[in-house]
Amino acid sequence: MAQTTALTHTGEALALPEGWQGIVADWSSDQRAFKNVPWGKAMMWIFLLSDTFIFSCFLISYMTVRISTTVPWPNPSKVFALTIGGTEIPLILIAIMTFILISSSGTMAMAVNFGYRRDRIKTAALMLATAAFGATFVGMQAFEWTKLILEGVRPWGNPWGAPQFGSSFFMITGFHGFHVSVGVIFLIIMATKVLRGAFDHNRPGFLTGRKGTYEIVEITGLYWHFVDLVWVFIFALFYLW
């Protein structure tokens, strides 16, 4: 069987078989597919892909239940309305939460930009601002949960109609809120390391092994943008439908 050659990290020629064996050998030896992709970023993409499947299953299950139930589904505009100044405003809390989370994507993108410029002060400040937005979102979500629980919403029922509403709400928003909370904690940890110059001086510690690179800021940004994007689908399918 004919063979092709590739170069090793020392510059020596390495013979690779053709066909499927060559493809497997090529990918497993990192000669082509991930040649210019850092492993941290590749692993984050793989994690986000798996998380996409989980959120997709949740949302598809929700849509299936919503379509198939014979009991009237609660009206989100009524359920998630707040009374301000004697006027009932539908979805006002959800609209503010969505604005906050989308704004956090902007600060995270700027943090990545300044990270690659190695401006650690601005990078850390923007990461902390992103974390503050995320913490505000989680706090408002906790208020939303408390309000609905006091109104009688449970995973097995609610006062307004289809009992599946409660389980769908707590499962989908709870899983997303957990992701936001994890992201906030990670942002604070990474911002602290950036501010201390851990990535400039190659200090030993958690995710600080590569000197002079702010790659972890971009990896954190990938996770955060994913969380924001998922919320857009939740907002559209759960609150607006």
Protein backbone atom coordinates (compact mmCIF):
# COMPACT_ATOMS: atom_id res chain seq x y z
CA MET A 1 0.00 0.00 0.00
CA ALA A 2 1.27 3.45 -0.92
CA GLN A 3 2.17 5.77 1.89
CA THR A 4 2.25 9.52 2.38
CA THR A 5 4.61 11.41 4.61
CA ALA A 6 4.14 14.05 7.30
CA LEU A 7 6.57 15.96 9.44
CA THR A 8 6.95 15.37 13.14
CA HIS A 9 7.62 18.15 15.65
CA THR A 10 11.35 17.58 15.12
CA GLY A 11 11.08 17.96 11.35
CA GLU A 12 11.61 14.26 10.58
CA ALA A 13 9.56 12.57 7.88
CA LEU A 14 6.82 10.25 9.15
CA ALA A 15 5.20 7.72 6.82
CA LEU A 16 1.41 7.54 7.01
CA PRO A 17 -0.70 4.84 5.31
CA GLU A 18 -3.38 5.84 2.83
CA GLY A 19 -7.09 5.19 3.15
CA TRP A 20 -8.97 5.06 6.44
CA GLN A 21 -5.85 4.03 8.32
CA GLY A 22 -4.13 7.16 7.08
CA ILE A 23 -7.06 9.37 8.11
CA VAL A 24 -7.11 7.88 11.60
CA ALA A 25 -3.34 8.18 11.93
CA ASP A 26 -3.41 11.75 10.64
CA TRP A 27 -6.09 12.92 13.07
CA SER A 28 -4.74 11.06 16.07
CA SER A 29 -1.23 12.42 15.50
CA ASP A 30 -2.56 16.01 15.24
CA GLN A 31 -0.84 16.58 11.89
CA ARG A 32 -3.66 18.35 10.04
CA ALA A 33 -7.09 18.62 11.65
CA PHE A 34 -6.08 20.49 14.83
CA LYS A 35 -2.68 21.76 13.75
CA ASN A 36 -3.44 25.42 14.51
CA VAL A 37 -6.14 24.94 17.15
CA PRO A 38 -5.10 24.98 20.84
CA TRP A 39 -6.37 21.95 22.71
CA GLY A 40 -8.11 24.08 25.33
CA LYS A 41 -10.21 25.77 22.66
CA ALA A 42 -10.92 22.49 20.87
CA MET A 43 -12.07 20.85 24.11
CA MET A 44 -14.36 23.81 24.86
CA TRP A 45 -15.97 23.49 21.42
CA ILE A 46 -16.53 19.78 22.03
CA PHE A 47 -18.08 20.53 25.42
CA LEU A 48 -20.34 23.21 23.93
CA LEU A 49 -21.42 20.80 21.20
CA SER A 50 -22.45 18.22 23.80
CA ASP A 51 -24.24 20.92 25.81
CA THR A 52 -26.09 21.98 22.67
CA PHE A 53 -27.55 18.49 22.40
CA ILE A 54 -28.74 18.63 26.02
CA PHE A 55 -30.43 22.01 25.67
CA SER A 56 -31.92 20.92 22.34
CA CYS A 57 -33.44 17.85 24.00
CA PHE A 58 -34.93 20.03 26.74
CA LEU A 59 -36.44 22.53 24.30
CA ILE A 60 -37.72 19.87 21.91
CA SER A 61 -39.31 18.02 24.84
CA TYR A 62 -40.91 21.27 25.96
CA MET A 63 -42.32 21.95 22.48
CA THR A 64 -43.63 18.39 22.25
CA VAL A 65 -45.43 18.68 25.58
CA ARG A 66 -46.75 22.12 24.71
CA ILE A 67 -48.22 20.91 21.42
CA SER A 68 -49.59 17.59 22.66
CA THR A 69 -51.25 18.67 25.93
CA THR A 70 -55.04 18.92 25.90
CA VAL A 71 -55.11 21.21 28.94
CA PRO A 72 -54.78 24.94 28.18
CA TRP A 73 -51.21 26.18 28.53
CA PRO A 74 -50.66 29.16 30.87
CA ASN A 75 -50.27 32.49 29.09
CA PRO A 76 -46.63 33.60 29.63
CA SER A 77 -47.59 37.27 29.26
CA LYS A 78 -49.84 36.91 32.30
CA VAL A 79 -47.71 34.50 34.33
CA PHE A 80 -44.51 36.55 34.00
CA ALA A 81 -46.12 39.99 34.31
CA LEU A 82 -45.17 42.44 37.06
CA THR A 83 -47.41 45.12 38.53
CA ILE A 84 -45.55 48.44 38.64
CA GLY A 85 -47.35 51.59 39.74
CA GLY A 86 -50.69 49.82 39.60
CA THR A 87 -50.14 48.77 35.97
CA GLU A 88 -49.55 45.17 34.96
CA ILE A 89 -46.61 45.03 32.54
CA PRO A 90 -46.19 41.69 30.73
CA LEU A 91 -42.72 40.13 30.53
CA ILE A 92 -40.99 43.25 31.84
CA LEU A 93 -38.68 41.27 34.13
CA ILE A 94 -37.79 38.81 31.37
CA ALA A 95 -37.07 41.67 28.95
CA ILE A 96 -34.68 43.28 31.45
CA MET A 97 -32.97 39.93 32.11
CA THR A 98 -32.51 39.39 28.38
CA PHE A 99 -31.08 42.88 27.89
CA ILE A 100 -28.61 42.33 30.74
CA LEU A 101 -27.42 39.00 29.40
CA ILE A 102 -27.02 40.27 25.83
CA SER A 103 -25.10 43.29 27.16
CA SER A 104 -22.76 40.91 28.97
CA SER A 105 -21.80 39.40 25.62
CA GLY A 106 -20.55 42.82 24.56
CA THR A 107 -18.36 43.27 27.63
CA MET A 108 -17.04 39.72 27.23
CA ALA A 109 -16.13 40.34 23.58
CA MET A 110 -14.25 43.50 24.58
CA ALA A 111 -12.46 41.57 27.33
CA VAL A 112 -11.20 39.07 24.75
CA ASN A 113 -10.08 41.94 22.51
CA PHE A 114 -8.09 43.63 25.26
CA GLY A 115 -6.78 40.23 26.38
CA TYR A 116 -5.06 39.69 23.05
CA ARG A 117 -3.65 43.19 23.38
CA ARG A 118 -2.31 42.08 26.79
CA ASP A 119 -4.00 44.98 28.53
CA ARG A 120 -4.65 43.12 31.75
CA ILE A 121 -6.32 46.00 33.62
CA LYS A 122 -9.04 46.53 31.02
CA THR A 123 -9.35 42.79 30.43
CA ALA A 124 -9.92 42.06 34.12
CA ALA A 125 -12.30 45.01 34.51
CA LEU A 126 -14.44 43.89 31.57
CA MET A 127 -14.47 40.29 32.79
CA LEU A 128 -15.63 41.47 36.22
CA ALA A 129 -18.30 43.62 34.53
CA THR A 130 -19.45 40.53 32.63
CA ALA A 131 -19.57 38.59 35.90
CA ALA A 132 -21.62 41.40 37.48
CA PHE A 133 -24.11 41.24 34.61
CA GLY A 134 -24.32 37.47 35.03
CA ALA A 135 -24.81 37.70 38.80
CA THR A 136 -27.56 40.28 38.26
CA PHE A 137 -29.25 37.92 35.81
CA VAL A 138 -29.11 35.04 38.30
CA GLY A 139 -30.45 37.29 41.06
CA MET A 140 -33.41 38.33 38.91
CA GLN A 141 -34.02 34.71 37.99
CA ALA A 142 -34.08 33.84 41.70
CA PHE A 143 -36.69 36.59 42.19
CA GLU A 144 -38.71 35.13 39.31
CA TRP A 145 -38.56 31.64 40.84
CA THR A 146 -39.57 32.94 44.26
CA LYS A 147 -42.53 34.85 42.83
CA LEU A 148 -43.87 31.83 40.94
CA ILE A 149 -43.34 29.45 43.86
CA LEU A 150 -45.30 31.79 46.13
CA GLU A 151 -48.06 31.86 43.51
CA GLY A 152 -48.30 28.07 43.64
CA VAL A 153 -46.15 26.88 40.73
CA ARG A 154 -44.64 23.45 41.34
CA PRO A 155 -42.92 20.88 39.08
CA TRP A 156 -46.13 18.84 39.21
CA GLY A 157 -48.70 21.62 38.78
CA ASN A 158 -49.69 25.27 38.72
CA PRO A 159 -52.85 27.35 39.23
CA TRP A 160 -53.26 28.37 35.57
CA GLY A 161 -53.50 25.22 33.48
CA ALA A 162 -51.29 22.42 32.16
CA PRO A 163 -49.29 20.82 35.00
CA GLN A 164 -46.29 20.32 32.70
CA PHE A 165 -45.69 24.06 32.74
CA GLY A 166 -44.01 23.97 36.14
CA SER A 167 -41.66 21.09 35.36
CA SER A 168 -40.69 22.63 32.01
CA PHE A 169 -40.05 26.01 33.60
CA PHE A 170 -37.91 24.78 36.48
CA MET A 171 -35.97 22.30 34.35
CA ILE A 172 -35.08 24.64 31.48
CA THR A 173 -34.48 27.88 33.38
CA GLY A 174 -32.79 26.06 36.27
CA PHE A 175 -30.33 24.27 34.00
CA HIS A 176 -29.53 27.51 32.20
CA GLY A 177 -29.21 29.42 35.48
CA PHE A 178 -26.73 26.81 36.69
CA HIS A 179 -24.61 27.43 33.58
CA VAL A 180 -24.69 31.19 34.19
CA SER A 181 -23.69 30.72 37.84
CA VAL A 182 -20.73 28.52 36.86
CA GLY A 183 -19.72 31.11 34.27
CA VAL A 184 -19.82 33.91 36.86
CA ILE A 185 -17.56 31.97 39.23
CA PHE A 186 -15.12 31.13 36.44
CA LEU A 187 -15.07 34.74 35.23
CA ILE A 188 -14.19 36.01 38.69
CA ILE A 189 -11.38 33.44 39.06
CA MET A 190 -9.90 34.21 35.64
CA ALA A 191 -10.25 37.99 36.11
CA THR A 192 -8.33 37.72 39.38
CA LYS A 193 -5.55 35.78 37.66
CA VAL A 194 -5.41 38.29 34.80
CA LEU A 195 -5.24 41.20 37.24
CA ARG A 196 -2.40 39.57 39.18
CA GLY A 197 -0.45 39.03 35.95
CA ALA A 198 -0.48 35.26 36.26
CA PHE A 199 -0.54 34.84 32.47
CA ASP A 200 2.32 37.30 31.95
CA HIS A 201 4.75 35.73 34.40
CA ASN A 202 3.92 32.04 33.94
CA ARG A 203 3.04 31.62 37.59
CA PRO A 204 2.18 28.06 38.61
CA GLY A 205 -1.48 27.44 39.28
CA PHE A 206 -4.84 26.59 37.78
CA LEU A 207 -4.78 27.21 33.98
CA THR A 208 -1.73 29.48 34.11
CA GLY A 209 0.87 27.22 32.56
CA ARG A 210 1.39 29.13 29.30
CA LYS A 211 3.33 32.35 29.61
CA GLY A 212 2.28 35.43 27.67
CA THR A 213 -1.02 34.09 26.34
CA TYR A 214 -4.56 35.16 27.25
CA GLU A 215 -6.10 32.24 25.41
CA ILE A 216 -8.12 31.26 28.49
CA VAL A 217 -9.98 34.59 28.21
CA GLU A 218 -11.18 33.63 24.74
CA ILE A 219 -12.12 30.13 25.93
CA THR A 220 -14.15 31.68 28.75
CA GLY A 221 -15.74 33.98 26.18
CA LEU A 222 -16.80 31.01 24.05
CA TYR A 223 -18.61 29.52 27.02
CA TRP A 224 -20.27 32.82 27.93
CA HIS A 225 -21.47 33.56 24.39
CA PHE A 226 -22.93 30.05 24.25
CA VAL A 227 -24.87 30.65 27.46
CA ASP A 228 -26.21 33.92 26.05
CA LEU A 229 -27.19 32.30 22.77
CA VAL A 230 -29.07 29.51 24.55
CA TRP A 231 -31.04 32.12 26.50
CA VAL A 232 -32.19 33.70 23.22
CA PHE A 233 -33.79 30.38 22.23
CA ILE A 234 -35.31 29.93 25.70
CA PHE A 235 -36.68 33.47 25.58
CA ALA A 236 -38.22 32.93 22.14
CA LEU A 237 -39.66 29.47 22.70
CA PHE A 238 -40.69 29.58 26.35
CA TYR A 239 -41.62 33.19 27.08
CA LEU A 240 -42.84 34.49 23.70
CA TRP A 241 -44.65 31.40 22.40
